PDB file of N, CA and C in Angstrom:
ATOM      1  N   UNK A   1       0.714  -1.100   0.104  1.00  0.00           N
ATOM      2  CA  UNK A   1      -0.134  -0.029  -0.019  1.00  0.00           C
ATOM      3  C   UNK A   1       0.989   1.121   0.040  1.00  0.00           C
ATOM      4  N   UNK A   2       1.897   1.183   0.819  1.00  0.00           N
ATOM      5  CA  UNK A   2       2.802   2.366   0.924  1.00  0.00           C
ATOM      6  C   UNK A   2       3.618   2.540  -0.561  1.00  0.00           C
ATOM      7  N   UNK A   3       3.885   1.449  -1.070  1.00  0.00           N
ATOM      8  CA  UNK A   3       4.707   1.746  -2.172  1.00  0.00           C
ATOM      9  C   UNK A   3       3.775   2.325  -3.465  1.00  0.00           C
ATOM     10  N   UNK A   4       2.408   1.878  -3.456  1.00  0.00           N
ATOM     11  CA  UNK A   4       1.405   2.425  -4.409  1.00  0.00           C
ATOM     12  C   UNK A   4       1.266   3.919  -4.250  1.00  0.00           C
ATOM     13  N   UNK A   5       1.182   4.253  -2.987  1.00  0.00           N
ATOM     14  CA  UNK A   5       1.049   5.687  -2.528  1.00  0.00           C
ATOM     15  C   UNK A   5       2.422   6.672  -3.044  1.00  0.00           C
ATOM     16  N   UNK A   6       3.416   5.951  -2.844  1.00  0.00           N
ATOM     17  CA  UNK A   6       4.823   6.592  -3.126  1.00  0.00           C
ATOM     18  C   UNK A   6       4.907   6.815  -4.693  1.00  0.00           C
ATOM     19  N   UNK A   7       4.402   5.806  -5.294  1.00  0.00           N
ATOM     20  CA  UNK A   7       4.484   5.735  -6.773  1.00  0.00           C
ATOM     21  C   UNK A   7       3.586   6.787  -7.250  1.00  0.00           C
ATOM     22  N   UNK A   8       2.313   6.773  -6.699  1.00  0.00           N
ATOM     23  CA  UNK A   8       1.398   8.039  -7.129  1.00  0.00           C
ATOM     24  C   UNK A   8       1.866   9.321  -7.003  1.00  0.00           C
ATOM     25  N   UNK A   9       2.324   9.633  -5.756  1.00  0.00           N
ATOM     26  CA  UNK A   9       2.960  10.872  -5.295  1.00  0.00           C
ATOM     27  C   UNK A   9       4.265  11.233  -6.534  1.00  0.00           C
ATOM     28  N   UNK A  10       5.048  10.181  -6.731  1.00  0.00           N
ATOM     29  CA  UNK A  10       6.221  10.429  -7.780  1.00  0.00           C
ATOM     30  C   UNK A  10       5.503  10.843  -9.045  1.00  0.00           C
ATOM     31  N   UNK A  11       4.464   9.910  -9.516  1.00  0.00           N
ATOM     32  CA  UNK A  11       3.954  10.179 -10.701  1.00  0.00           C
ATOM     33  C   UNK A  11       3.447  11.560 -10.788  1.00  0.00           C
ATOM     34  N   UNK A  12       2.526  12.098  -9.793  1.00  0.00           N
ATOM     35  CA  UNK A  12       2.003  13.319  -9.606  1.00  0.00           C
ATOM     36  C   UNK A  12       3.118  14.562  -9.774  1.00  0.00           C
ATOM     37  N   UNK A  13       4.242  14.422  -9.110  1.00  0.00           N
ATOM     38  CA  UNK A  13       5.185  15.443  -9.210  1.00  0.00           C
ATOM     39  C   UNK A  13       5.862  15.428 -10.515  1.00  0.00           C
ATOM     40  N   UNK A  14       6.001  14.228 -11.036  1.00  0.00           N
ATOM     41  CA  UNK A  14       6.667  14.257 -12.404  1.00  0.00           C
ATOM     42  C   UNK A  14       5.801  14.858 -13.429  1.00  0.00           C
ATOM     43  N   UNK A  15       4.519  14.556 -13.398  1.00  0.00           N
ATOM     44  CA  UNK A  15       3.526  15.207 -14.292  1.00  0.00           C
ATOM     45  C   UNK A  15       3.531  16.697 -14.059  1.00  0.00           C
ATOM     46  N   UNK A  16       3.497  17.161 -12.783  1.00  0.00           N
ATOM     47  CA  UNK A  16       3.567  18.643 -12.548  1.00  0.00           C
ATOM     48  C   UNK A  16       4.722  19.353 -13.128  1.00  0.00           C
ATOM     49  N   UNK A  17       5.868  18.554 -12.989  1.00  0.00           N
ATOM     50  CA  UNK A  17       7.165  19.144 -13.411  1.00  0.00           C
ATOM     51  C   UNK A  17       7.096  19.283 -14.892  1.00  0.00           C
ATOM     52  N   UNK A  18       6.703  18.447 -15.613  1.00  0.00           N
ATOM     53  CA  UNK A  18       6.571  18.454 -17.071  1.00  0.00           C
ATOM     54  C   UNK A  18       5.556  19.470 -17.675  1.00  0.00           C
ATOM     55  N   UNK A  19       4.439  19.418 -17.101  1.00  0.00           N
ATOM     56  CA  UNK A  19       3.382  20.432 -17.521  1.00  0.00           C
ATOM     57  C   UNK A  19       3.566  21.851 -17.094  1.00  0.00           C
ATOM     58  N   UNK A  20       4.676  22.109 -16.155  1.00  0.00           N
ATOM     59  CA  UNK A  20       4.783  23.443 -15.762  1.00  0.00           C
ATOM     60  C   UNK A  20       5.859  24.279 -16.760  1.00  0.00           C
ATOM     61  N   UNK A  21       6.452  23.401 -17.466  1.00  0.00           N
ATOM     62  CA  UNK A  21       7.379  24.071 -18.649  1.00  0.00           C
ATOM     63  C   UNK A  21       6.689  24.900 -19.545  1.00  0.00           C
ATOM     64  N   UNK A  22       5.374  24.444 -20.116  1.00  0.00           N
ATOM     65  CA  UNK A  22       4.538  25.052 -20.982  1.00  0.00           C
ATOM     66  C   UNK A  22       3.778  26.220 -20.331  1.00  0.00           C
ATOM     67  N   UNK A  23       4.041  26.621 -19.071  1.00  0.00           N
ATOM     68  CA  UNK A  23       3.297  27.681 -18.357  1.00  0.00           C
ATOM     69  C   UNK A  23       3.543  29.141 -18.723  1.00  0.00           C
ATOM     70  N   UNK A  24       4.559  29.391 -19.520  1.00  0.00           N
ATOM     71  CA  UNK A  24       4.927  30.637 -20.034  1.00  0.00           C
ATOM     72  C   UNK A  24       4.037  31.364 -21.025  1.00  0.00           C
ATOM     73  N   UNK A  25       2.783  31.195 -20.731  1.00  0.00           N
ATOM     74  CA  UNK A  25       1.788  31.803 -21.865  1.00  0.00           C
ATOM     75  C   UNK A  25       0.754  32.786 -21.079  1.00  0.00           C
ATOM     76  N   UNK A  26       0.038  33.525 -21.930  1.00  0.00           N
ATOM     77  CA  UNK A  26      -0.920  34.432 -21.290  1.00  0.00           C
ATOM     78  C   UNK A  26      -2.249  34.237 -22.139  1.00  0.00           C
ATOM     79  N   UNK A  27      -3.165  34.930 -21.631  1.00  0.00           N
ATOM     80  CA  UNK A  27      -4.453  34.832 -22.364  1.00  0.00           C
ATOM     81  C   UNK A  27      -4.337  35.822 -23.751  1.00  0.00           C
ATOM     82  N   UNK A  28      -5.049  35.650 -24.722  1.00  0.00           N
ATOM     83  CA  UNK A  28      -4.903  36.563 -25.916  1.00  0.00           C
ATOM     84  C   UNK A  28      -5.057  37.849 -25.621  1.00  0.00           C
ATOM     85  N   UNK A  29      -5.709  38.366 -24.828  1.00  0.00           N
ATOM     86  CA  UNK A  29      -6.044  39.696 -24.586  1.00  0.00           C
ATOM     87  C   UNK A  29      -4.889  40.508 -23.886  1.00  0.00           C
ATOM     88  N   UNK A  30      -4.330  39.738 -22.834  1.00  0.00           N
ATOM     89  CA  UNK A  30      -2.958  40.291 -22.226  1.00  0.00           C
ATOM     90  C   UNK A  30      -1.886  40.366 -23.111  1.00  0.00           C
ATOM     91  N   UNK A  31      -1.505  39.134 -23.990  1.00  0.00           N
ATOM     92  CA  UNK A  31      -0.669  39.123 -24.910  1.00  0.00           C
ATOM     93  C   UNK A  31      -0.689  40.233 -25.957  1.00  0.00           C
ATOM     94  N   UNK A  32      -1.932  40.547 -26.382  1.00  0.00           N
ATOM     95  CA  UNK A  32      -1.973  41.589 -27.381  1.00  0.00           C
ATOM     96  C   UNK A  32      -1.663  42.717 -26.837  1.00  0.00           C
ATOM     97  N   UNK A  33      -2.194  43.111 -25.700  1.00  0.00           N
ATOM     98  CA  UNK A  33      -1.982  44.458 -25.007  1.00  0.00           C
ATOM     99  C   UNK A  33      -0.357  44.693 -24.591  1.00  0.00           C
ATOM    100  N   UNK A  34       0.334  43.570 -24.170  1.00  0.00           N
ATOM    101  CA  UNK A  34       1.818  43.671 -23.837  1.00  0.00           C
ATOM    102  C   UNK A  34       2.698  43.743 -25.059  1.00  0.00           C
ATOM    103  N   UNK A  35       2.452  42.968 -25.989  1.00  0.00           N
ATOM    104  CA  UNK A  35       3.439  42.969 -27.115  1.00  0.00           C
ATOM    105  C   UNK A  35       3.155  44.043 -28.144  1.00  0.00           C
ATOM    106  N   UNK A  36       2.011  44.652 -28.029  1.00  0.00           N
ATOM    107  CA  UNK A  36       1.862  45.829 -29.116  1.00  0.00           C
ATOM    108  C   UNK A  36       2.594  47.071 -28.559  1.00  0.00           C
ATOM    109  N   UNK A  37       2.980  47.278 -27.345  1.00  0.00           N
ATOM    110  CA  UNK A  37       3.680  48.399 -27.067  1.00  0.00           C
ATOM    111  C   UNK A  37       5.149  48.134 -27.181  1.00  0.00           C
ATOM    112  N   UNK A  38       5.656  47.032 -27.282  1.00  0.00           N
ATOM    113  CA  UNK A  38       6.923  46.751 -27.436  1.00  0.00           C
ATOM    114  C   UNK A  38       7.965  46.891 -26.043  1.00  0.00           C
ATOM    115  N   UNK A  39       7.046  46.785 -25.082  1.00  0.00           N
ATOM    116  CA  UNK A  39       7.714  46.930 -23.646  1.00  0.00           C
ATOM    117  C   UNK A  39       7.894  45.519 -23.162  1.00  0.00           C
ATOM    118  N   UNK A  40       9.103  44.840 -23.369  1.00  0.00           N
ATOM    119  CA  UNK A  40       9.132  43.437 -23.091  1.00  0.00           C
ATOM    120  C   UNK A  40       9.400  43.188 -21.611  1.00  0.00           C
ATOM    121  N   UNK A  41       9.858  44.191 -20.845  1.00  0.00           N
ATOM    122  CA  UNK A  41      10.103  44.073 -19.516  1.00  0.00           C
ATOM    123  C   UNK A  41       8.670  43.858 -18.675  1.00  0.00           C
ATOM    124  N   UNK A  42       7.701  44.514 -19.297  1.00  0.00           N
ATOM    125  CA  UNK A  42       6.326  44.583 -18.642  1.00  0.00           C
ATOM    126  C   UNK A  42       5.729  43.179 -19.046  1.00  0.00           C
ATOM    127  N   UNK A  43       6.017  42.677 -20.061  1.00  0.00           N
ATOM    128  CA  UNK A  43       5.538  41.296 -20.469  1.00  0.00           C
ATOM    129  C   UNK A  43       6.123  40.221 -19.636  1.00  0.00           C
ATOM    130  N   UNK A  44       7.338  40.312 -19.473  1.00  0.00           N
ATOM    131  CA  UNK A  44       7.952  39.276 -18.565  1.00  0.00           C
ATOM    132  C   UNK A  44       7.559  39.317 -17.235  1.00  0.00           C
ATOM    133  N   UNK A  45       7.170  40.514 -16.699  1.00  0.00           N
ATOM    134  CA  UNK A  45       6.676  40.801 -15.444  1.00  0.00           C
ATOM    135  C   UNK A  45       5.461  40.068 -15.271  1.00  0.00           C
ATOM    136  N   UNK A  46       4.475  40.276 -16.306  1.00  0.00           N
ATOM    137  CA  UNK A  46       3.255  39.606 -16.284  1.00  0.00           C
ATOM    138  C   UNK A  46       3.314  38.069 -16.390  1.00  0.00           C
ATOM    139  N   UNK A  47       4.253  37.538 -17.322  1.00  0.00           N
ATOM    140  CA  UNK A  47       4.466  36.260 -17.335  1.00  0.00           C
ATOM    141  C   UNK A  47       4.864  35.645 -15.955  1.00  0.00           C
ATOM    142  N   UNK A  48       5.774  36.363 -15.248  1.00  0.00           N
ATOM    143  CA  UNK A  48       6.241  35.742 -13.949  1.00  0.00           C
ATOM    144  C   UNK A  48       5.187  35.777 -12.966  1.00  0.00           C
ATOM    145  N   UNK A  49       4.318  36.842 -12.917  1.00  0.00           N
ATOM    146  CA  UNK A  49       3.065  36.992 -12.166  1.00  0.00           C
ATOM    147  C   UNK A  49       2.182  35.698 -12.361  1.00  0.00           C
ATOM    148  N   UNK A  50       1.813  35.364 -13.611  1.00  0.00           N
ATOM    149  CA  UNK A  50       1.071  34.331 -13.970  1.00  0.00           C
ATOM    150  C   UNK A  50       1.628  32.885 -13.445  1.00  0.00           C
ATOM    151  N   UNK A  51       2.892  32.789 -13.529  1.00  0.00           N
ATOM    152  CA  UNK A  51       3.556  31.546 -13.072  1.00  0.00           C
ATOM    153  C   UNK A  51       3.476  31.489 -11.575  1.00  0.00           C
ATOM    154  N   UNK A  52       3.625  32.634 -10.987  1.00  0.00           N
ATOM    155  CA  UNK A  52       3.547  32.633  -9.442  1.00  0.00           C
ATOM    156  C   UNK A  52       2.226  32.300  -8.990  1.00  0.00           C
ATOM    157  N   UNK A  53       1.102  32.927  -9.551  1.00  0.00           N
ATOM    158  CA  UNK A  53      -0.282  32.594  -9.181  1.00  0.00           C
ATOM    159  C   UNK A  53      -0.625  31.144  -9.452  1.00  0.00           C
ATOM    160  N   UNK A  54       0.059  30.512 -10.330  1.00  0.00           N
ATOM    161  CA  UNK A  54      -0.378  29.194 -10.843  1.00  0.00           C
ATOM    162  C   UNK A  54       0.450  28.173  -9.759  1.00  0.00           C
ATOM    163  N   UNK A  55       1.604  28.531  -9.289  1.00  0.00           N
ATOM    164  CA  UNK A  55       2.278  27.665  -8.564  1.00  0.00           C
ATOM    165  C   UNK A  55       1.838  27.412  -7.241  1.00  0.00           C
ATOM    166  N   UNK A  56       1.263  28.653  -6.414  1.00  0.00           N
ATOM    167  CA  UNK A  56       0.791  28.381  -5.126  1.00  0.00           C
ATOM    168  C   UNK A  56      -0.378  27.406  -4.872  1.00  0.00           C
ATOM    169  N   UNK A  57      -1.352  27.242  -5.855  1.00  0.00           N
ATOM    170  CA  UNK A  57      -2.249  26.073  -5.453  1.00  0.00           C
ATOM    171  C   UNK A  57      -1.650  24.673  -5.618  1.00  0.00           C
ATOM    172  N   UNK A  58      -0.738  24.551  -6.454  1.00  0.00           N
ATOM    173  CA  UNK A  58       0.082  23.247  -6.582  1.00  0.00           C
ATOM    174  C   UNK A  58       0.787  22.960  -5.308  1.00  0.00           C
ATOM    175  N   UNK A  59       1.463  23.825  -4.736  1.00  0.00           N
ATOM    176  CA  UNK A  59       2.090  23.644  -3.545  1.00  0.00           C
ATOM    177  C   UNK A  59       1.170  23.411  -2.446  1.00  0.00           C
ATOM    178  N   UNK A  60       0.124  24.105  -2.403  1.00  0.00           N
ATOM    179  CA  UNK A  60      -0.943  23.727  -1.295  1.00  0.00           C
ATOM    180  C   UNK A  60      -1.579  22.471  -1.424  1.00  0.00           C
ATOM    181  N   UNK A  61      -1.776  21.957  -2.684  1.00  0.00           N
ATOM    182  CA  UNK A  61      -2.250  20.534  -2.694  1.00  0.00           C
ATOM    183  C   UNK A  61      -1.156  19.499  -2.521  1.00  0.00           C
ATOM    184  N   UNK A  62      -0.009  19.827  -2.694  1.00  0.00           N
ATOM    185  CA  UNK A  62       1.118  18.900  -2.630  1.00  0.00           C
ATOM    186  C   UNK A  62       1.325  18.813  -0.966  1.00  0.00           C
ATOM    187  N   UNK A  63       1.318  19.934  -0.286  1.00  0.00           N
ATOM    188  CA  UNK A  63       1.432  19.950   1.077  1.00  0.00           C
ATOM    189  C   UNK A  63       0.388  19.232   1.926  1.00  0.00           C
ATOM    190  N   UNK A  64      -0.890  19.416   1.394  1.00  0.00           N
ATOM    191  CA  UNK A  64      -1.936  18.836   2.100  1.00  0.00           C
ATOM    192  C   UNK A  64      -1.860  17.331   1.705  1.00  0.00           C
ATOM    193  N   UNK A  65      -1.405  16.787   0.640  1.00  0.00           N
ATOM    194  CA  UNK A  65      -1.250  15.402   0.291  1.00  0.00           C
ATOM    195  C   UNK A  65      -0.244  14.880   1.147  1.00  0.00           C
ATOM    196  N   UNK A  66       0.957  15.645   1.345  1.00  0.00           N
ATOM    197  CA  UNK A  66       1.921  14.998   2.004  1.00  0.00           C
ATOM    198  C   UNK A  66       1.516  14.817   3.550  1.00  0.00           C
ATOM    199  N   UNK A  67       0.751  15.850   4.061  1.00  0.00           N
ATOM    200  CA  UNK A  67       0.254  15.738   5.406  1.00  0.00           C
ATOM    201  C   UNK A  67      -0.649  14.623   5.651  1.00  0.00           C
ATOM    202  N   UNK A  68      -1.423  14.332   4.556  1.00  0.00           N
ATOM    203  CA  UNK A  68      -2.455  12.940   4.728  1.00  0.00           C
ATOM    204  C   UNK A  68      -1.717  11.824   4.674  1.00  0.00           C
ATOM    205  N   UNK A  69      -0.637  11.802   3.861  1.00  0.00           N
ATOM    206  CA  UNK A  69       0.154  10.745   3.627  1.00  0.00           C
ATOM    207  C   UNK A  69       1.010  10.301   5.043  1.00  0.00           C
ATOM    208  N   UNK A  70       1.581  11.453   5.645  1.00  0.00           N
ATOM    209  CA  UNK A  70       2.160  11.190   7.037  1.00  0.00           C
ATOM    210  C   UNK A  70       1.189  10.577   8.021  1.00  0.00           C
ATOM    211  N   UNK A  71      -0.077  11.224   7.986  1.00  0.00           N
ATOM    212  CA  UNK A  71      -1.085  10.739   8.928  1.00  0.00           C
ATOM    213  C   UNK A  71      -1.466   9.431   8.694  1.00  0.00           C
ATOM    214  N   UNK A  72      -1.627   8.873   7.467  1.00  0.00           N
ATOM    215  CA  UNK A  72      -1.835   7.505   7.379  1.00  0.00           C
ATOM    216  C   UNK A  72      -0.811   6.647   7.514  1.00  0.00           C
ATOM    217  N   UNK A  73       0.518   7.225   7.345  1.00  0.00           N
ATOM    218  CA  UNK A  73       1.722   6.308   7.681  1.00  0.00           C
ATOM    219  C   UNK A  73       1.925   6.135   9.241  1.00  0.00           C
ATOM    220  N   UNK A  74       1.477   7.334   9.973  1.00  0.00           N
ATOM    221  CA  UNK A  74       1.483   7.126  11.320  1.00  0.00           C
ATOM    222  C   UNK A  74       0.802   6.213  11.886  1.00  0.00           C
ATOM    223  N   UNK A  75      -0.705   6.152  11.469  1.00  0.00           N
ATOM    224  CA  UNK A  75      -1.548   5.144  11.822  1.00  0.00           C
ATOM    225  C   UNK A  75      -1.340   3.741  11.739  1.00  0.00           C
ATOM    226  N   UNK A  76      -0.482   3.353  10.626  1.00  0.00           N
ATOM    227  CA  UNK A  76      -0.262   2.013  10.479  1.00  0.00           C
ATOM    228  C   UNK A  76       1.038   1.657  10.980  1.00  0.00           C
TER     229      UNK A  76
END
């Protein structure tokens, strides 16, 4: 049972790692507004903000999952 949980956590982290590489995108409206001005610093800052906002929920879910895993491991 523990091995199955460990594998699923590893698989989840691996998938999260690979899918996060393609996260440097914006919605069409933001992209059009930022690239039309020619201000690349502002566009890079918006991209970083999007990535930051996207990472927080994944960290929270991972922390909660790890906490549940530790609780189950402690009970058995």
